[in-house]
Amino acid sequence: MLTLKRLFIGLVCAMLLGAVTAVIVLAQGDEPPTTPVEPEDCASCHETAAAMWENSTHSQASALANFVRAWQEQGSPGECLACHTTGYDPATGQYESEGVACQVCHPSPPHEHPQKIMYTDTSSRLCGQCHTETFDQLGHSQHGQEGMACIRCHNPHDNSLRAGGVEDTCAACHREQTHFYNFTNHAMEGLLCTDCHFQLADGAMGDGHGSRLHNFTVGSQNCTECHGSQMHYPVESQAAINAAPVASPQVVQASVVPLLGDNDSQALNVQPQSGTNTSLNFIILAALTGMLFGLVGSPWVEKQFRRHDKDDEGRN
């Protein structure tokens, strides 16, 4: 049965350990480092992720030939650096580092890591701050309506497709469709999913931005590019096909297997855990640990007190 003495010992231990933890946490919070954290600092622990990022489009966003050429042709506007560098300050025109660095997706104070969990923003809205057109297209697609985040298909560290090739990436969800597609004339002709579902964006090959549309739709214009002479009206040439008025195409959306674990719409509302709340959690945890230690160790403490009392009586 829990005695008042044991409870008192537990409270004393909780107060002592909580107070010591509070002093340590507050002392760490008062002395943040003055130098910015570079990707090389992250690489000391996260070697694989850093190696993948180093050769990625994100890492080289400010040095890509297409970007540099288009940027210089437009007079080197500063607003472009907001996406092609990290920590760009429009007031001074200065930035923390070239390319899209680690802290863009991991915005927690780096000096608090690894003592505190590093928050990671996995929402498509973060990608959409720079990939504005692609984000808008995704939002109107069935993939976006299902809450499918960009990182479902794309690895943000090396910007590759997670499953490797585009066919494997599509097959990861659309298993039935891709299986039966292999027996069609289209597949036998060597056509990929991207030939119909990822149309090239206008001018994409020249300005360095997203090269393919992300609405995943297939309209009648996709069919006429290859089957113009086989449509339901006679034509004399491909030029006549292009000149003929086309009615509003009936868009065919790819059916999507219900996805689990994305919930991109919910991820948009998640915020990094504040340092104050995290520090308070550490202090509370330390106090509870002290309480537990005090309750468990109180019999030993009581034993020492009784032994001390007997020794005093013996001397008297």
C-alpha atoms as a PDB file:
ATOM      1  CA  MET A   1       0.000   0.000   0.000  1.00  0.00           C
ATOM      2  CA  LEU A   2       1.303   3.419  -0.939  1.00  0.00           C
ATOM      3  CA  THR A   3       2.303   5.359   2.182  1.00  0.00           C
ATOM      4  CA  LEU A   4       2.495   9.124   2.549  1.00  0.00           C
ATOM      5  CA  LYS A   5       6.224   8.856   3.061  1.00  0.00           C
ATOM      6  CA  ARG A   6       6.693   7.044  -0.273  1.00  0.00           C
ATOM      7  CA  LEU A   7       4.490   9.577  -2.027  1.00  0.00           C
ATOM      8  CA  PHE A   8       6.519  12.411  -0.511  1.00  0.00           C
ATOM      9  CA  ILE A   9       9.792  10.829  -1.686  1.00  0.00           C
ATOM     10  CA  GLY A  10       8.346  10.413  -5.188  1.00  0.00           C
ATOM     11  CA  LEU A  11       7.278  14.072  -5.332  1.00  0.00           C
ATOM     12  CA  VAL A  12      10.712  15.226  -4.181  1.00  0.00           C
ATOM     13  CA  CYS A  13      12.426  13.150  -6.897  1.00  0.00           C
ATOM     14  CA  ALA A  14       9.979  14.446  -9.522  1.00  0.00           C
ATOM     15  CA  MET A  15      10.647  18.070  -8.538  1.00  0.00           C
ATOM     16  CA  LEU A  16      14.415  17.598  -8.516  1.00  0.00           C
ATOM     17  CA  LEU A  17      14.654  15.817 -11.879  1.00  0.00           C
ATOM     18  CA  GLY A  18      12.097  18.182 -13.483  1.00  0.00           C
ATOM     19  CA  ALA A  19      13.993  21.235 -12.241  1.00  0.00           C
ATOM     20  CA  VAL A  20      17.331  19.952 -13.525  1.00  0.00           C
ATOM     21  CA  THR A  21      15.783  19.152 -16.939  1.00  0.00           C
ATOM     22  CA  ALA A  22      14.171  22.605 -17.111  1.00  0.00           C
ATOM     23  CA  VAL A  23      17.511  24.314 -16.445  1.00  0.00           C
ATOM     24  CA  ILE A  24      19.236  22.258 -19.161  1.00  0.00           C
ATOM     25  CA  VAL A  25      16.491  22.820 -21.747  1.00  0.00           C
ATOM     26  CA  LEU A  26      16.282  26.557 -21.105  1.00  0.00           C
ATOM     27  CA  ALA A  27      20.061  26.876 -21.235  1.00  0.00           C
ATOM     28  CA  GLN A  28      20.138  25.167 -24.636  1.00  0.00           C
ATOM     29  CA  GLY A  29      17.340  27.391 -25.929  1.00  0.00           C
ATOM     30  CA  ASP A  30      19.176  30.558 -24.923  1.00  0.00           C
ATOM     31  CA  GLU A  31      22.294  29.746 -26.914  1.00  0.00           C
ATOM     32  CA  PRO A  32      21.328  29.007 -30.549  1.00  0.00           C
ATOM     33  CA  PRO A  33      24.226  28.777 -32.996  1.00  0.00           C
ATOM     34  CA  THR A  34      25.029  31.914 -34.947  1.00  0.00           C
ATOM     35  CA  THR A  35      26.178  30.151 -38.118  1.00  0.00           C
ATOM     36  CA  PRO A  36      23.625  28.739 -40.619  1.00  0.00           C
ATOM     37  CA  VAL A  37      23.435  25.000 -41.106  1.00  0.00           C
ATOM     38  CA  GLU A  38      24.603  23.796 -44.523  1.00  0.00           C
ATOM     39  CA  PRO A  39      23.635  20.557 -46.327  1.00  0.00           C
ATOM     40  CA  GLU A  40      27.120  19.269 -45.529  1.00  0.00           C
ATOM     41  CA  ASP A  41      26.208  19.343 -41.840  1.00  0.00           C
ATOM     42  CA  CYS A  42      23.176  17.136 -42.509  1.00  0.00           C
ATOM     43  CA  ALA A  43      25.357  14.768 -44.549  1.00  0.00           C
ATOM     44  CA  SER A  44      27.453  13.924 -41.487  1.00  0.00           C
ATOM     45  CA  CYS A  45      24.539  11.753 -40.284  1.00  0.00           C
ATOM     46  CA  HIS A  46      22.247  11.382 -43.300  1.00  0.00           C
ATOM     47  CA  GLU A  47      24.812  10.226 -45.850  1.00  0.00           C
ATOM     48  CA  THR A  48      22.439   8.423 -48.206  1.00  0.00           C
ATOM     49  CA  ALA A  49      19.845  11.203 -48.389  1.00  0.00           C
ATOM     50  CA  ALA A  50      22.554  13.846 -48.825  1.00  0.00           C
ATOM     51  CA  ALA A  51      24.226  11.894 -51.626  1.00  0.00           C
ATOM     52  CA  MET A  52      20.896  11.546 -53.447  1.00  0.00           C
ATOM     53  CA  TRP A  53      20.171  15.270 -53.013  1.00  0.00           C
ATOM     54  CA  GLU A  54      23.615  16.408 -54.157  1.00  0.00           C
ATOM     55  CA  ASN A  55      23.035  15.325 -57.771  1.00  0.00           C
ATOM     56  CA  SER A  56      19.346  16.229 -57.876  1.00  0.00           C
ATOM     57  CA  THR A  57      17.511  18.989 -59.719  1.00  0.00           C
ATOM     58  CA  HIS A  58      16.690  20.575 -56.356  1.00  0.00           C
ATOM     59  CA  SER A  59      20.356  20.789 -55.419  1.00  0.00           C
ATOM     60  CA  GLN A  60      21.291  22.354 -58.774  1.00  0.00           C
ATOM     61  CA  ALA A  61      18.178  24.498 -59.162  1.00  0.00           C
ATOM     62  CA  SER A  62      20.176  27.729 -59.436  1.00  0.00           C
ATOM     63  CA  ALA A  63      22.748  26.307 -61.878  1.00  0.00           C
ATOM     64  CA  LEU A  64      20.585  24.416 -64.393  1.00  0.00           C
ATOM     65  CA  ALA A  65      21.444  25.491 -67.928  1.00  0.00           C
ATOM     66  CA  ASN A  66      17.785  25.966 -68.941  1.00  0.00           C
ATOM     67  CA  PHE A  67      17.094  28.104 -65.891  1.00  0.00           C
ATOM     68  CA  VAL A  68      20.227  30.244 -66.207  1.00  0.00           C
ATOM     69  CA  ARG A  69      19.542  30.916 -69.888  1.00  0.00           C
ATOM     70  CA  ALA A  70      15.871  31.808 -69.371  1.00  0.00           C
ATOM     71  CA  TRP A  71      16.700  33.857 -66.254  1.00  0.00           C
ATOM     72  CA  GLN A  72      19.348  35.918 -68.044  1.00  0.00           C
ATOM     73  CA  GLU A  73      17.099  36.457 -71.062  1.00  0.00           C
ATOM     74  CA  GLN A  74      14.479  37.988 -68.735  1.00  0.00           C
ATOM     75  CA  GLY A  75      16.966  40.329 -67.100  1.00  0.00           C
ATOM     76  CA  SER A  76      17.818  38.157 -64.051  1.00  0.00           C
ATOM     77  CA  PRO A  77      14.702  38.993 -61.994  1.00  0.00           C
ATOM     78  CA  GLY A  78      15.119  38.503 -58.263  1.00  0.00           C
ATOM     79  CA  GLU A  79      11.790  36.763 -57.754  1.00  0.00           C
ATOM     80  CA  CYS A  80      13.108  33.694 -59.570  1.00  0.00           C
ATOM     81  CA  LEU A  81      15.649  33.191 -56.784  1.00  0.00           C
ATOM     82  CA  ALA A  82      12.827  32.687 -54.293  1.00  0.00           C
ATOM     83  CA  CYS A  83      12.436  29.167 -55.726  1.00  0.00           C
ATOM     84  CA  HIS A  84      15.886  28.480 -57.142  1.00  0.00           C
ATOM     85  CA  THR A  85      17.767  29.330 -53.923  1.00  0.00           C
ATOM     86  CA  THR A  86      17.165  28.821 -50.208  1.00  0.00           C
ATOM     87  CA  GLY A  87      16.399  31.638 -47.784  1.00  0.00           C
ATOM     88  CA  TYR A  88      16.131  34.363 -50.412  1.00  0.00           C
ATOM     89  CA  ASP A  89      15.532  37.865 -48.986  1.00  0.00           C
ATOM     90  CA  PRO A  90      13.834  40.134 -51.574  1.00  0.00           C
ATOM     91  CA  ALA A  91      14.780  43.234 -49.573  1.00  0.00           C
ATOM     92  CA  THR A  92      18.524  42.606 -49.849  1.00  0.00           C
ATOM     93  CA  GLY A  93      18.679  40.204 -52.795  1.00  0.00           C
ATOM     94  CA  GLN A  94      20.764  37.829 -50.662  1.00  0.00           C
ATOM     95  CA  TYR A  95      20.135  34.149 -49.991  1.00  0.00           C
ATOM     96  CA  GLU A  96      21.433  31.519 -47.575  1.00  0.00           C
ATOM     97  CA  SER A  97      22.499  28.874 -50.097  1.00  0.00           C
ATOM     98  CA  GLU A  98      22.139  27.955 -53.743  1.00  0.00           C
ATOM     99  CA  GLY A  99      19.543  25.428 -54.840  1.00  0.00           C
ATOM    100  CA  VAL A 100      16.744  23.954 -52.753  1.00  0.00           C
ATOM    101  CA  ALA A 101      18.475  22.917 -49.513  1.00  0.00           C
ATOM    102  CA  CYS A 102      17.394  20.613 -46.694  1.00  0.00           C
ATOM    103  CA  GLN A 103      15.723  23.304 -44.567  1.00  0.00           C
ATOM    104  CA  VAL A 104      13.092  23.990 -47.229  1.00  0.00           C
ATOM    105  CA  CYS A 105      11.359  20.684 -46.459  1.00  0.00           C
ATOM    106  CA  HIS A 106      12.734  20.339 -42.926  1.00  0.00           C
ATOM    107  CA  PRO A 107      11.942  23.762 -41.413  1.00  0.00           C
ATOM    108  CA  SER A 108      12.559  22.925 -37.749  1.00  0.00           C
ATOM    109  CA  PRO A 109      15.389  24.871 -36.037  1.00  0.00           C
ATOM    110  CA  PRO A 110      18.412  22.760 -37.024  1.00  0.00           C
ATOM    111  CA  HIS A 111      20.312  23.400 -33.778  1.00  0.00           C
ATOM    112  CA  GLU A 112      17.540  21.559 -31.894  1.00  0.00           C
ATOM    113  CA  HIS A 113      18.115  18.358 -33.863  1.00  0.00           C
ATOM    114  CA  PRO A 114      18.647  15.483 -33.062  1.00  0.00           C
ATOM    115  CA  GLN A 115      17.577  16.279 -29.477  1.00  0.00           C
ATOM    116  CA  LYS A 116      14.168  17.179 -30.912  1.00  0.00           C
ATOM    117  CA  ILE A 117      12.357  15.490 -33.790  1.00  0.00           C
ATOM    118  CA  MET A 118      12.964  17.242 -37.124  1.00  0.00           C
ATOM    119  CA  TYR A 119       9.634  18.256 -38.626  1.00  0.00           C
ATOM    120  CA  THR A 120       9.187  17.315 -42.293  1.00  0.00           C
ATOM    121  CA  ASP A 121       6.632  19.017 -44.529  1.00  0.00           C
ATOM    122  CA  THR A 122       5.314  16.325 -46.883  1.00  0.00           C
ATOM    123  CA  SER A 123       2.379  18.298 -48.280  1.00  0.00           C
ATOM    124  CA  SER A 124       1.918  18.991 -51.973  1.00  0.00           C
ATOM    125  CA  ARG A 125       1.253  22.620 -51.069  1.00  0.00           C
ATOM    126  CA  LEU A 126       4.930  23.032 -50.189  1.00  0.00           C
ATOM    127  CA  CYS A 127       5.907  21.751 -53.649  1.00  0.00           C
ATOM    128  CA  GLY A 128       3.240  24.020 -55.133  1.00  0.00           C
ATOM    129  CA  GLN A 129       4.918  27.147 -53.790  1.00  0.00           C
ATOM    130  CA  CYS A 130       7.385  26.795 -56.657  1.00  0.00           C
ATOM    131  CA  HIS A 131       5.763  24.262 -58.992  1.00  0.00           C
ATOM    132  CA  THR A 132       2.661  26.447 -59.243  1.00  0.00           C
ATOM    133  CA  GLU A 133       1.264  25.199 -62.556  1.00  0.00           C
ATOM    134  CA  THR A 134       1.876  21.547 -61.749  1.00  0.00           C
ATOM    135  CA  PHE A 135       0.268  21.964 -58.327  1.00  0.00           C
ATOM    136  CA  ASP A 136      -2.812  23.557 -59.917  1.00  0.00           C
ATOM    137  CA  GLN A 137      -3.089  20.720 -62.435  1.00  0.00           C
ATOM    138  CA  LEU A 138      -2.742  18.115 -59.685  1.00  0.00           C
ATOM    139  CA  GLY A 139      -5.440  19.816 -57.642  1.00  0.00           C
ATOM    140  CA  HIS A 140      -7.941  19.456 -60.481  1.00  0.00           C
ATOM    141  CA  SER A 141      -7.010  15.840 -61.204  1.00  0.00           C
ATOM    142  CA  GLN A 142      -8.498  12.743 -59.621  1.00  0.00           C
ATOM    143  CA  HIS A 143      -5.138  12.040 -58.028  1.00  0.00           C
ATOM    144  CA  GLY A 144      -5.315  15.375 -56.255  1.00  0.00           C
ATOM    145  CA  GLN A 145      -8.976  14.902 -55.349  1.00  0.00           C
ATOM    146  CA  GLU A 146      -8.040  11.609 -53.689  1.00  0.00           C
ATOM    147  CA  GLY A 147      -5.521  13.466 -51.509  1.00  0.00           C
ATOM    148  CA  MET A 148      -2.506  11.941 -53.240  1.00  0.00           C
ATOM    149  CA  ALA A 149       0.669  13.859 -52.342  1.00  0.00           C
ATOM    150  CA  CYS A 150       3.551  14.526 -54.722  1.00  0.00           C
ATOM    151  CA  ILE A 151       5.904  12.339 -52.685  1.00  0.00           C
ATOM    152  CA  ARG A 152       3.667   9.354 -53.433  1.00  0.00           C
ATOM    153  CA  CYS A 153       5.357   9.179 -56.851  1.00  0.00           C
ATOM    154  CA  HIS A 154       8.403  11.445 -56.505  1.00  0.00           C
ATOM    155  CA  ASN A 155      11.406  11.048 -54.220  1.00  0.00           C
ATOM    156  CA  PRO A 156      12.130  14.608 -53.024  1.00  0.00           C
ATOM    157  CA  HIS A 157      15.809  13.872 -52.373  1.00  0.00           C
ATOM    158  CA  ASP A 158      16.865  12.854 -55.887  1.00  0.00           C
ATOM    159  CA  ASN A 159      13.668  13.916 -57.745  1.00  0.00           C
ATOM    160  CA  SER A 160      13.318  10.470 -59.308  1.00  0.00           C
ATOM    161  CA  LEU A 161      10.208   8.325 -59.510  1.00  0.00           C
ATOM    162  CA  ARG A 162       9.948   6.152 -56.428  1.00  0.00           C
ATOM    163  CA  ALA A 163       9.289   2.943 -58.351  1.00  0.00           C
ATOM    164  CA  GLY A 164      11.987   3.610 -60.940  1.00  0.00           C
ATOM    165  CA  GLY A 165      10.370   3.676 -64.398  1.00  0.00           C
ATOM    166  CA  VAL A 166       7.104   5.405 -65.167  1.00  0.00           C
ATOM    167  CA  GLU A 167       5.326   2.135 -65.978  1.00  0.00           C
ATOM    168  CA  ASP A 168       6.284   0.637 -62.605  1.00  0.00           C
ATOM    169  CA  THR A 169       5.196   3.824 -60.843  1.00  0.00           C
ATOM    170  CA  CYS A 170       1.745   3.710 -62.432  1.00  0.00           C
ATOM    171  CA  ALA A 171       1.469  -0.035 -61.824  1.00  0.00           C
ATOM    172  CA  ALA A 172       2.083   0.472 -58.104  1.00  0.00           C
ATOM    173  CA  CYS A 173      -1.553   1.636 -57.842  1.00  0.00           C
ATOM    174  CA  HIS A 174      -3.192   0.833 -61.185  1.00  0.00           C
ATOM    175  CA  ARG A 175      -2.340  -2.855 -61.110  1.00  0.00           C
ATOM    176  CA  GLU A 176      -5.327  -4.163 -63.051  1.00  0.00           C
ATOM    177  CA  GLN A 177      -5.191  -1.484 -65.753  1.00  0.00           C
ATOM    178  CA  THR A 178      -1.457  -1.881 -66.388  1.00  0.00           C
ATOM    179  CA  HIS A 179      -1.721  -5.673 -66.446  1.00  0.00           C
ATOM    180  CA  PHE A 180      -4.335  -5.780 -69.196  1.00  0.00           C
ATOM    181  CA  TYR A 181      -2.722  -2.871 -71.037  1.00  0.00           C
ATOM    182  CA  ASN A 182       0.263  -5.115 -71.767  1.00  0.00           C
ATOM    183  CA  PHE A 183      -1.952  -7.138 -74.160  1.00  0.00           C
ATOM    184  CA  THR A 184      -3.194  -4.157 -76.190  1.00  0.00           C
ATOM    185  CA  ASN A 185      -2.025  -2.906 -79.591  1.00  0.00           C
ATOM    186  CA  HIS A 186      -0.826   0.297 -77.936  1.00  0.00           C
ATOM    187  CA  ALA A 187       1.553  -1.628 -75.696  1.00  0.00           C
ATOM    188  CA  MET A 188       2.753  -3.757 -78.590  1.00  0.00           C
ATOM    189  CA  GLU A 189       3.584  -0.547 -80.455  1.00  0.00           C
ATOM    190  CA  GLY A 190       5.740   0.541 -77.506  1.00  0.00           C
ATOM    191  CA  LEU A 191       3.492   3.265 -76.107  1.00  0.00           C
ATOM    192  CA  LEU A 192       3.895   4.147 -72.421  1.00  0.00           C
ATOM    193  CA  CYS A 193       1.412   5.604 -69.950  1.00  0.00           C
ATOM    194  CA  THR A 194       3.066   8.988 -70.402  1.00  0.00           C
ATOM    195  CA  ASP A 195       2.290   9.057 -74.125  1.00  0.00           C
ATOM    196  CA  CYS A 196      -1.394   9.586 -73.362  1.00  0.00           C
ATOM    197  CA  HIS A 197      -1.688  10.598 -69.710  1.00  0.00           C
ATOM    198  CA  PHE A 198       1.286  13.005 -69.460  1.00  0.00           C
ATOM    199  CA  GLN A 199       1.196  15.437 -72.345  1.00  0.00           C
ATOM    200  CA  LEU A 200       4.163  17.743 -72.846  1.00  0.00           C
ATOM    201  CA  ALA A 201       3.570  21.259 -71.551  1.00  0.00           C
ATOM    202  CA  ASP A 202       3.867  24.137 -74.012  1.00  0.00           C
ATOM    203  CA  GLY A 203       7.412  25.508 -74.017  1.00  0.00           C
ATOM    204  CA  ALA A 204       8.450  23.197 -71.216  1.00  0.00           C
ATOM    205  CA  MET A 205      11.625  22.072 -72.906  1.00  0.00           C
ATOM    206  CA  GLY A 206      12.914  25.624 -73.117  1.00  0.00           C
ATOM    207  CA  ASP A 207      12.312  27.280 -69.756  1.00  0.00           C
ATOM    208  CA  GLY A 208      13.396  24.544 -67.376  1.00  0.00           C
ATOM    209  CA  HIS A 209      10.024  24.136 -65.671  1.00  0.00           C
ATOM    210  CA  GLY A 210       7.830  21.031 -65.460  1.00  0.00           C
ATOM    211  CA  SER A 211       7.936  19.224 -68.768  1.00  0.00           C
ATOM    212  CA  ARG A 212       4.635  17.331 -68.523  1.00  0.00           C
ATOM    213  CA  LEU A 213       1.078  18.165 -67.546  1.00  0.00           C
ATOM    214  CA  HIS A 214      -0.120  16.586 -64.314  1.00  0.00           C
ATOM    215  CA  ASN A 215      -3.864  16.477 -64.930  1.00  0.00           C
ATOM    216  CA  PHE A 216      -3.603  12.803 -66.047  1.00  0.00           C
ATOM    217  CA  THR A 217      -6.429  13.267 -68.549  1.00  0.00           C
ATOM    218  CA  VAL A 218      -6.822  11.882 -72.063  1.00  0.00           C
ATOM    219  CA  GLY A 219      -8.835  13.963 -74.531  1.00  0.00           C
ATOM    220  CA  SER A 220      -9.869  13.346 -78.128  1.00  0.00           C
ATOM    221  CA  GLN A 221      -6.888  15.403 -79.315  1.00  0.00           C
ATOM    222  CA  ASN A 222      -4.620  12.667 -77.956  1.00  0.00           C
ATOM    223  CA  CYS A 223      -6.276  10.145 -80.238  1.00  0.00           C
ATOM    224  CA  THR A 224      -6.223  12.335 -83.352  1.00  0.00           C
ATOM    225  CA  GLU A 225      -2.455  12.767 -83.117  1.00  0.00           C
ATOM    226  CA  CYS A 226      -2.057   9.113 -84.125  1.00  0.00           C
ATOM    227  CA  HIS A 227      -5.472   8.026 -85.414  1.00  0.00           C
ATOM    228  CA  GLY A 228      -6.543  11.105 -87.319  1.00  0.00           C
ATOM    229  CA  SER A 229      -7.146   9.233 -90.541  1.00  0.00           C
ATOM    230  CA  GLN A 230      -9.156   6.577 -88.716  1.00  0.00           C
ATOM    231  CA  MET A 231     -11.697   8.875 -87.064  1.00  0.00           C
ATOM    232  CA  HIS A 232     -15.371   9.001 -88.018  1.00  0.00           C
ATOM    233  CA  TYR A 233     -15.077  11.636 -90.708  1.00  0.00           C
ATOM    234  CA  PRO A 234     -13.016  11.668 -93.936  1.00  0.00           C
ATOM    235  CA  VAL A 235      -9.951  13.906 -94.091  1.00  0.00           C
ATOM    236  CA  GLU A 236      -7.418  14.559 -96.813  1.00  0.00           C
ATOM    237  CA  SER A 237      -4.369  15.319 -94.714  1.00  0.00           C
ATOM    238  CA  GLN A 238      -3.063  15.814 -91.214  1.00  0.00           C
ATOM    239  CA  ALA A 239      -3.235  19.565 -91.795  1.00  0.00           C
ATOM    240  CA  ALA A 240      -6.978  19.255 -92.358  1.00  0.00           C
ATOM    241  CA  ILE A 241      -7.302  17.403 -89.067  1.00  0.00           C
ATOM    242  CA  ASN A 242      -5.521  20.185 -87.216  1.00  0.00           C
ATOM    243  CA  ALA A 243      -7.622  22.857 -88.932  1.00  0.00           C
ATOM    244  CA  ALA A 244     -10.958  21.148 -88.310  1.00  0.00           C
ATOM    245  CA  PRO A 245     -12.986  22.475 -85.366  1.00  0.00           C
ATOM    246  CA  VAL A 246     -12.962  20.080 -82.458  1.00  0.00           C
ATOM    247  CA  ALA A 247     -15.861  19.844 -80.046  1.00  0.00           C
ATOM    248  CA  SER A 248     -15.233  19.970 -76.331  1.00  0.00           C
ATOM    249  CA  PRO A 249     -13.413  16.696 -75.669  1.00  0.00           C
ATOM    250  CA  GLN A 250     -14.853  14.175 -73.323  1.00  0.00           C
ATOM    251  CA  VAL A 251     -12.094  13.679 -70.803  1.00  0.00           C
ATOM    252  CA  VAL A 252     -11.333  10.207 -69.589  1.00  0.00           C
ATOM    253  CA  GLN A 253      -9.910  10.102 -66.079  1.00  0.00           C
ATOM    254  CA  ALA A 254      -7.740   7.194 -64.987  1.00  0.00           C
ATOM    255  CA  SER A 255      -9.455   5.243 -62.254  1.00  0.00           C
ATOM    256  CA  VAL A 256      -7.485   5.366 -59.027  1.00  0.00           C
ATOM    257  CA  VAL A 257      -7.107   2.649 -56.445  1.00  0.00           C
ATOM    258  CA  PRO A 258      -8.044   4.113 -53.024  1.00  0.00           C
ATOM    259  CA  LEU A 259      -4.842   5.287 -51.391  1.00  0.00           C
ATOM    260  CA  LEU A 260      -3.869   4.961 -47.757  1.00  0.00           C
ATOM    261  CA  GLY A 261      -1.418   7.130 -45.870  1.00  0.00           C
ATOM    262  CA  ASP A 262      -1.379  10.202 -48.127  1.00  0.00           C
ATOM    263  CA  ASN A 263      -4.152  12.437 -46.749  1.00  0.00           C
ATOM    264  CA  ASP A 264      -2.490  15.434 -48.336  1.00  0.00           C
ATOM    265  CA  SER A 265      -5.369  17.745 -47.416  1.00  0.00           C
ATOM    266  CA  GLN A 266      -4.753  16.976 -43.739  1.00  0.00           C
ATOM    267  CA  ALA A 267      -1.008  17.363 -44.074  1.00  0.00           C
ATOM    268  CA  LEU A 268      -1.514  20.991 -45.152  1.00  0.00           C
ATOM    269  CA  ASN A 269      -2.712  21.901 -41.665  1.00  0.00           C
ATOM    270  CA  VAL A 270       0.122  20.215 -39.789  1.00  0.00           C
ATOM    271  CA  GLN A 271       2.524  22.697 -38.243  1.00  0.00           C
ATOM    272  CA  PRO A 272       6.007  22.149 -36.814  1.00  0.00           C
ATOM    273  CA  GLN A 273       5.965  21.491 -33.101  1.00  0.00           C
ATOM    274  CA  SER A 274       7.036  24.638 -31.276  1.00  0.00           C
ATOM    275  CA  GLY A 275      10.161  24.611 -29.151  1.00  0.00           C
ATOM    276  CA  THR A 276       8.148  25.679 -26.088  1.00  0.00           C
ATOM    277  CA  ASN A 277       5.783  22.708 -26.292  1.00  0.00           C
ATOM    278  CA  THR A 278       8.630  20.287 -26.956  1.00  0.00           C
ATOM    279  CA  SER A 279      10.645  21.606 -23.997  1.00  0.00           C
ATOM    280  CA  LEU A 280       7.610  21.353 -21.728  1.00  0.00           C
ATOM    281  CA  ASN A 281       7.139  17.742 -22.827  1.00  0.00           C
ATOM    282  CA  PHE A 282      10.739  16.964 -21.857  1.00  0.00           C
ATOM    283  CA  ILE A 283      10.269  18.557 -18.429  1.00  0.00           C
ATOM    284  CA  ILE A 284       7.002  16.678 -17.799  1.00  0.00           C
ATOM    285  CA  LEU A 285       8.595  13.407 -18.891  1.00  0.00           C
ATOM    286  CA  ALA A 286      11.547  14.026 -16.573  1.00  0.00           C
ATOM    287  CA  ALA A 287       9.211  14.790 -13.659  1.00  0.00           C
ATOM    288  CA  LEU A 288       7.209  11.603 -14.248  1.00  0.00           C
ATOM    289  CA  THR A 289      10.434   9.612 -14.446  1.00  0.00           C
ATOM    290  CA  GLY A 290      11.556  11.144 -11.152  1.00  0.00           C
ATOM    291  CA  MET A 291       8.203  10.301  -9.549  1.00  0.00           C
ATOM    292  CA  LEU A 292       8.473   6.687 -10.712  1.00  0.00           C
ATOM    293  CA  PHE A 293      12.038   6.429  -9.498  1.00  0.00           C
ATOM    294  CA  GLY A 294      11.061   7.890  -6.131  1.00  0.00           C
ATOM    295  CA  LEU A 295       8.152   5.512  -5.640  1.00  0.00           C
ATOM    296  CA  VAL A 296      10.179   2.464  -6.630  1.00  0.00           C
ATOM    297  CA  GLY A 297      13.233   3.495  -4.632  1.00  0.00           C
ATOM    298  CA  SER A 298      11.383   4.726  -1.545  1.00  0.00           C
ATOM    299  CA  PRO A 299      11.607   1.352   0.319  1.00  0.00           C
ATOM    300  CA  TRP A 300      15.378   1.517   0.057  1.00  0.00           C
ATOM    301  CA  VAL A 301      15.340   5.130   1.293  1.00  0.00           C
ATOM    302  CA  GLU A 302      13.095   4.172   4.228  1.00  0.00           C
ATOM    303  CA  LYS A 303      15.433   1.317   5.065  1.00  0.00           C
ATOM    304  CA  GLN A 304      18.379   3.687   5.187  1.00  0.00           C
ATOM    305  CA  PHE A 305      16.454   6.044   7.471  1.00  0.00           C
ATOM    306  CA  ARG A 306      15.570   3.197   9.878  1.00  0.00           C
ATOM    307  CA  ARG A 307      19.163   1.991   9.949  1.00  0.00           C
ATOM    308  CA  HIS A 308      20.319   5.517  10.699  1.00  0.00           C
ATOM    309  CA  ASP A 309      17.776   5.807  13.554  1.00  0.00           C
ATOM    310  CA  LYS A 310      18.949   2.489  15.076  1.00  0.00           C
ATOM    311  CA  ASP A 311      22.561   3.601  14.915  1.00  0.00           C
ATOM    312  CA  ASP A 312      21.647   6.796  16.774  1.00  0.00           C
ATOM    313  CA  GLU A 313      19.760   4.830  19.437  1.00  0.00           C
ATOM    314  CA  GLY A 314      22.714   2.469  19.858  1.00  0.00           C
ATOM    315  CA  ARG A 315      25.108   5.337  20.413  1.00  0.00           C
ATOM    316  CA  ASN A 316      22.757   6.896  22.955  1.00  0.00           C
END
